[in-house]
Amino acid sequence: MTLTASSTQSEVAQIPVTLFSLGTAYGTFTWNGTNGLPVSHRIDIPLFSRYTNLRLFFAQGGLDMHSIRFRLVSTEL
């Protein structure tokens, strides 16, 4: 999974986004001020079922999301 976002806040700002998989926190992406330029963060997520639900929690404002992309890495269990 790749998240791409930008922020116009100062470079010392920290903007966390937590990823939950099936209700459990799986990882946190943190952006700093990007001067409005898109920055991407990537994480590998195991999906054990096609019914796995993913949720993003934005702890604070100031982040402009550009895209969320999924790429199949492996079909092996």
N, C-alpha and C. Protein backbone atom coordinates (compact mmCIF):
# COMPACT_ATOMS: atom_id res chain seq x y z
N MET A 1 0.85 -1.16 0.00
CA MET A 1 0.00 0.00 0.00
C MET A 1 0.89 1.22 0.00
N THR A 2 0.58 2.18 -0.85
CA THR A 2 1.34 3.42 -0.92
C THR A 2 0.38 4.59 -0.73
N LEU A 3 0.68 5.45 0.23
CA LEU A 3 -0.09 6.67 0.46
C LEU A 3 0.74 7.85 -0.03
N THR A 4 0.12 8.72 -0.80
CA THR A 4 0.79 9.93 -1.27
C THR A 4 0.00 11.12 -0.79
N ALA A 5 0.70 12.06 -0.12
CA ALA A 5 0.03 13.24 0.44
C ALA A 5 1.01 14.40 0.48
N SER A 6 0.48 15.58 0.73
CA SER A 6 1.31 16.77 0.87
C SER A 6 0.77 17.62 2.01
N SER A 7 1.63 18.53 2.47
CA SER A 7 1.24 19.43 3.55
C SER A 7 1.92 20.77 3.35
N THR A 8 1.22 21.84 3.67
CA THR A 8 1.81 23.17 3.58
C THR A 8 2.25 23.67 4.95
N GLN A 9 2.19 22.81 5.96
CA GLN A 9 2.65 23.20 7.30
C GLN A 9 4.17 23.28 7.33
N SER A 10 4.72 23.80 8.44
CA SER A 10 6.18 23.95 8.55
C SER A 10 6.87 22.59 8.56
N GLU A 11 8.17 22.59 8.27
CA GLU A 11 8.92 21.35 8.17
C GLU A 11 9.07 20.62 9.50
N VAL A 12 8.83 21.30 10.62
CA VAL A 12 8.94 20.64 11.93
C VAL A 12 7.61 20.01 12.36
N ALA A 13 6.54 20.25 11.60
CA ALA A 13 5.25 19.64 11.91
C ALA A 13 5.31 18.13 11.70
N GLN A 14 4.61 17.39 12.53
CA GLN A 14 4.49 15.95 12.35
C GLN A 14 3.01 15.61 12.23
N ILE A 15 2.65 14.98 11.13
CA ILE A 15 1.25 14.67 10.85
C ILE A 15 1.13 13.15 10.72
N PRO A 16 0.64 12.48 11.77
CA PRO A 16 0.54 11.02 11.73
C PRO A 16 -0.77 10.53 11.12
N VAL A 17 -0.68 9.41 10.42
CA VAL A 17 -1.85 8.69 9.90
C VAL A 17 -1.65 7.23 10.28
N THR A 18 -2.58 6.68 11.07
CA THR A 18 -2.46 5.31 11.54
C THR A 18 -3.31 4.39 10.67
N LEU A 19 -2.73 3.26 10.28
CA LEU A 19 -3.42 2.25 9.48
C LEU A 19 -3.88 1.14 10.41
N PHE A 20 -5.18 0.84 10.36
CA PHE A 20 -5.75 -0.26 11.13
C PHE A 20 -6.15 -1.36 10.16
N SER A 21 -5.82 -2.60 10.50
CA SER A 21 -6.21 -3.76 9.71
C SER A 21 -7.02 -4.68 10.63
N LEU A 22 -8.27 -4.93 10.27
CA LEU A 22 -9.18 -5.73 11.09
C LEU A 22 -9.26 -5.22 12.53
N GLY A 23 -9.26 -3.89 12.69
CA GLY A 23 -9.43 -3.28 14.00
C GLY A 23 -8.17 -3.15 14.82
N THR A 24 -7.04 -3.63 14.33
CA THR A 24 -5.78 -3.56 15.07
C THR A 24 -4.83 -2.60 14.37
N ALA A 25 -4.19 -1.72 15.14
CA ALA A 25 -3.23 -0.79 14.54
C ALA A 25 -2.10 -1.59 13.91
N TYR A 26 -1.84 -1.33 12.64
CA TYR A 26 -0.83 -2.08 11.91
C TYR A 26 0.43 -1.26 11.67
N GLY A 27 0.29 0.05 11.54
CA GLY A 27 1.45 0.91 11.30
C GLY A 27 1.03 2.36 11.26
N THR A 28 2.03 3.24 11.36
CA THR A 28 1.77 4.68 11.32
C THR A 28 2.66 5.33 10.27
N PHE A 29 2.05 6.12 9.42
CA PHE A 29 2.78 6.93 8.45
C PHE A 29 2.88 8.32 9.05
N THR A 30 4.03 8.96 8.95
CA THR A 30 4.18 10.32 9.48
C THR A 30 4.76 11.22 8.40
N TRP A 31 4.04 12.31 8.13
CA TRP A 31 4.50 13.32 7.19
C TRP A 31 4.96 14.53 7.97
N ASN A 32 5.96 15.21 7.45
CA ASN A 32 6.37 16.53 7.93
C ASN A 32 5.86 17.53 6.90
N GLY A 33 6.05 18.80 7.15
CA GLY A 33 5.68 19.79 6.14
C GLY A 33 6.42 19.51 4.86
N THR A 34 5.74 19.51 3.73
CA THR A 34 6.35 19.14 2.45
C THR A 34 6.39 20.30 1.46
N ASN A 35 6.12 21.52 1.93
CA ASN A 35 6.05 22.70 1.06
C ASN A 35 5.07 22.50 -0.09
N GLY A 36 4.03 21.72 0.15
CA GLY A 36 3.00 21.48 -0.86
C GLY A 36 3.34 20.42 -1.88
N LEU A 37 4.53 19.80 -1.77
CA LEU A 37 4.94 18.76 -2.72
C LEU A 37 4.46 17.39 -2.24
N PRO A 38 3.98 16.52 -3.15
CA PRO A 38 3.53 15.19 -2.75
C PRO A 38 4.70 14.32 -2.29
N VAL A 39 4.49 13.61 -1.17
CA VAL A 39 5.47 12.68 -0.62
C VAL A 39 4.75 11.34 -0.43
N SER A 40 5.41 10.23 -0.80
CA SER A 40 4.81 8.90 -0.69
C SER A 40 5.44 8.10 0.44
N HIS A 41 4.62 7.31 1.12
CA HIS A 41 5.06 6.34 2.12
C HIS A 41 4.46 5.00 1.75
N ARG A 42 5.25 3.92 1.94
CA ARG A 42 4.82 2.59 1.52
C ARG A 42 4.93 1.61 2.68
N ILE A 43 3.99 0.64 2.73
CA ILE A 43 4.02 -0.41 3.73
C ILE A 43 3.44 -1.68 3.11
N ASP A 44 3.97 -2.83 3.49
CA ASP A 44 3.42 -4.11 3.04
C ASP A 44 2.39 -4.58 4.06
N ILE A 45 1.22 -4.95 3.58
CA ILE A 45 0.13 -5.38 4.45
C ILE A 45 -0.30 -6.79 4.05
N PRO A 46 -0.24 -7.75 4.98
CA PRO A 46 -0.77 -9.07 4.64
C PRO A 46 -2.30 -9.04 4.68
N LEU A 47 -2.93 -9.48 3.61
CA LEU A 47 -4.39 -9.59 3.54
C LEU A 47 -4.73 -11.07 3.46
N PHE A 48 -5.29 -11.59 4.53
CA PHE A 48 -5.55 -13.03 4.61
C PHE A 48 -6.91 -13.40 4.02
N SER A 49 -7.72 -12.40 3.73
CA SER A 49 -9.05 -12.65 3.18
C SER A 49 -9.43 -11.47 2.30
N ARG A 50 -10.28 -11.71 1.34
CA ARG A 50 -10.76 -10.60 0.53
C ARG A 50 -11.70 -9.69 1.32
N TYR A 51 -12.09 -10.11 2.52
CA TYR A 51 -12.99 -9.33 3.36
C TYR A 51 -12.25 -8.52 4.42
N THR A 52 -10.93 -8.49 4.36
CA THR A 52 -10.14 -7.70 5.31
C THR A 52 -10.52 -6.23 5.18
N ASN A 53 -10.80 -5.60 6.32
CA ASN A 53 -11.14 -4.18 6.25
C ASN A 53 -9.96 -3.37 6.75
N LEU A 54 -9.67 -2.29 6.03
CA LEU A 54 -8.59 -1.38 6.37
C LEU A 54 -9.20 -0.03 6.70
N ARG A 55 -8.61 0.64 7.69
CA ARG A 55 -9.11 1.96 8.10
C ARG A 55 -7.92 2.88 8.32
N LEU A 56 -8.02 4.11 7.87
CA LEU A 56 -7.01 5.12 8.12
C LEU A 56 -7.54 6.10 9.15
N PHE A 57 -6.72 6.40 10.17
CA PHE A 57 -7.10 7.36 11.20
C PHE A 57 -6.18 8.57 11.10
N PHE A 58 -6.76 9.72 10.80
CA PHE A 58 -6.02 10.97 10.71
C PHE A 58 -6.11 11.67 12.06
N ALA A 59 -5.01 11.69 12.80
CA ALA A 59 -5.02 12.23 14.17
C ALA A 59 -5.14 13.75 14.19
N GLN A 60 -4.76 14.41 13.11
CA GLN A 60 -4.89 15.86 13.03
C GLN A 60 -5.03 16.28 11.58
N GLY A 61 -5.41 17.52 11.38
CA GLY A 61 -5.60 18.04 10.03
C GLY A 61 -4.30 18.55 9.43
N GLY A 62 -4.40 19.09 8.23
CA GLY A 62 -3.25 19.69 7.58
C GLY A 62 -2.61 18.83 6.52
N LEU A 63 -3.22 17.69 6.21
CA LEU A 63 -2.66 16.78 5.22
C LEU A 63 -3.61 16.70 4.04
N ASP A 64 -3.09 16.88 2.84
CA ASP A 64 -3.89 16.76 1.62
C ASP A 64 -3.54 15.44 0.95
N MET A 65 -4.48 14.50 0.95
CA MET A 65 -4.24 13.19 0.34
C MET A 65 -4.33 13.31 -1.18
N HIS A 66 -3.37 12.68 -1.86
CA HIS A 66 -3.36 12.67 -3.32
C HIS A 66 -3.80 11.31 -3.86
N SER A 67 -3.28 10.23 -3.27
CA SER A 67 -3.66 8.91 -3.77
C SER A 67 -3.38 7.83 -2.72
N ILE A 68 -4.13 6.75 -2.86
CA ILE A 68 -3.91 5.51 -2.10
C ILE A 68 -3.84 4.41 -3.14
N ARG A 69 -2.72 3.70 -3.19
CA ARG A 69 -2.53 2.66 -4.20
C ARG A 69 -2.23 1.33 -3.55
N PHE A 70 -2.77 0.28 -4.13
CA PHE A 70 -2.52 -1.09 -3.68
C PHE A 70 -1.84 -1.84 -4.81
N ARG A 71 -0.87 -2.67 -4.46
CA ARG A 71 -0.16 -3.49 -5.45
C ARG A 71 0.00 -4.88 -4.87
N LEU A 72 -0.37 -5.90 -5.65
CA LEU A 72 -0.23 -7.28 -5.23
C LEU A 72 1.25 -7.66 -5.26
N VAL A 73 1.76 -8.09 -4.10
CA VAL A 73 3.18 -8.45 -3.99
C VAL A 73 3.36 -9.95 -4.16
N SER A 74 2.47 -10.74 -3.52
CA SER A 74 2.60 -12.19 -3.59
C SER A 74 1.23 -12.82 -3.36
N THR A 75 1.02 -14.00 -3.97
CA THR A 75 -0.22 -14.73 -3.74
C THR A 75 0.02 -15.93 -2.85
N GLU A 76 1.26 -16.12 -2.37
CA GLU A 76 1.59 -17.25 -1.50
C GLU A 76 1.18 -16.95 -0.07
N LEU A 77 0.78 -17.98 0.66
CA LEU A 77 0.42 -17.81 2.06
C LEU A 77 1.58 -18.08 2.94
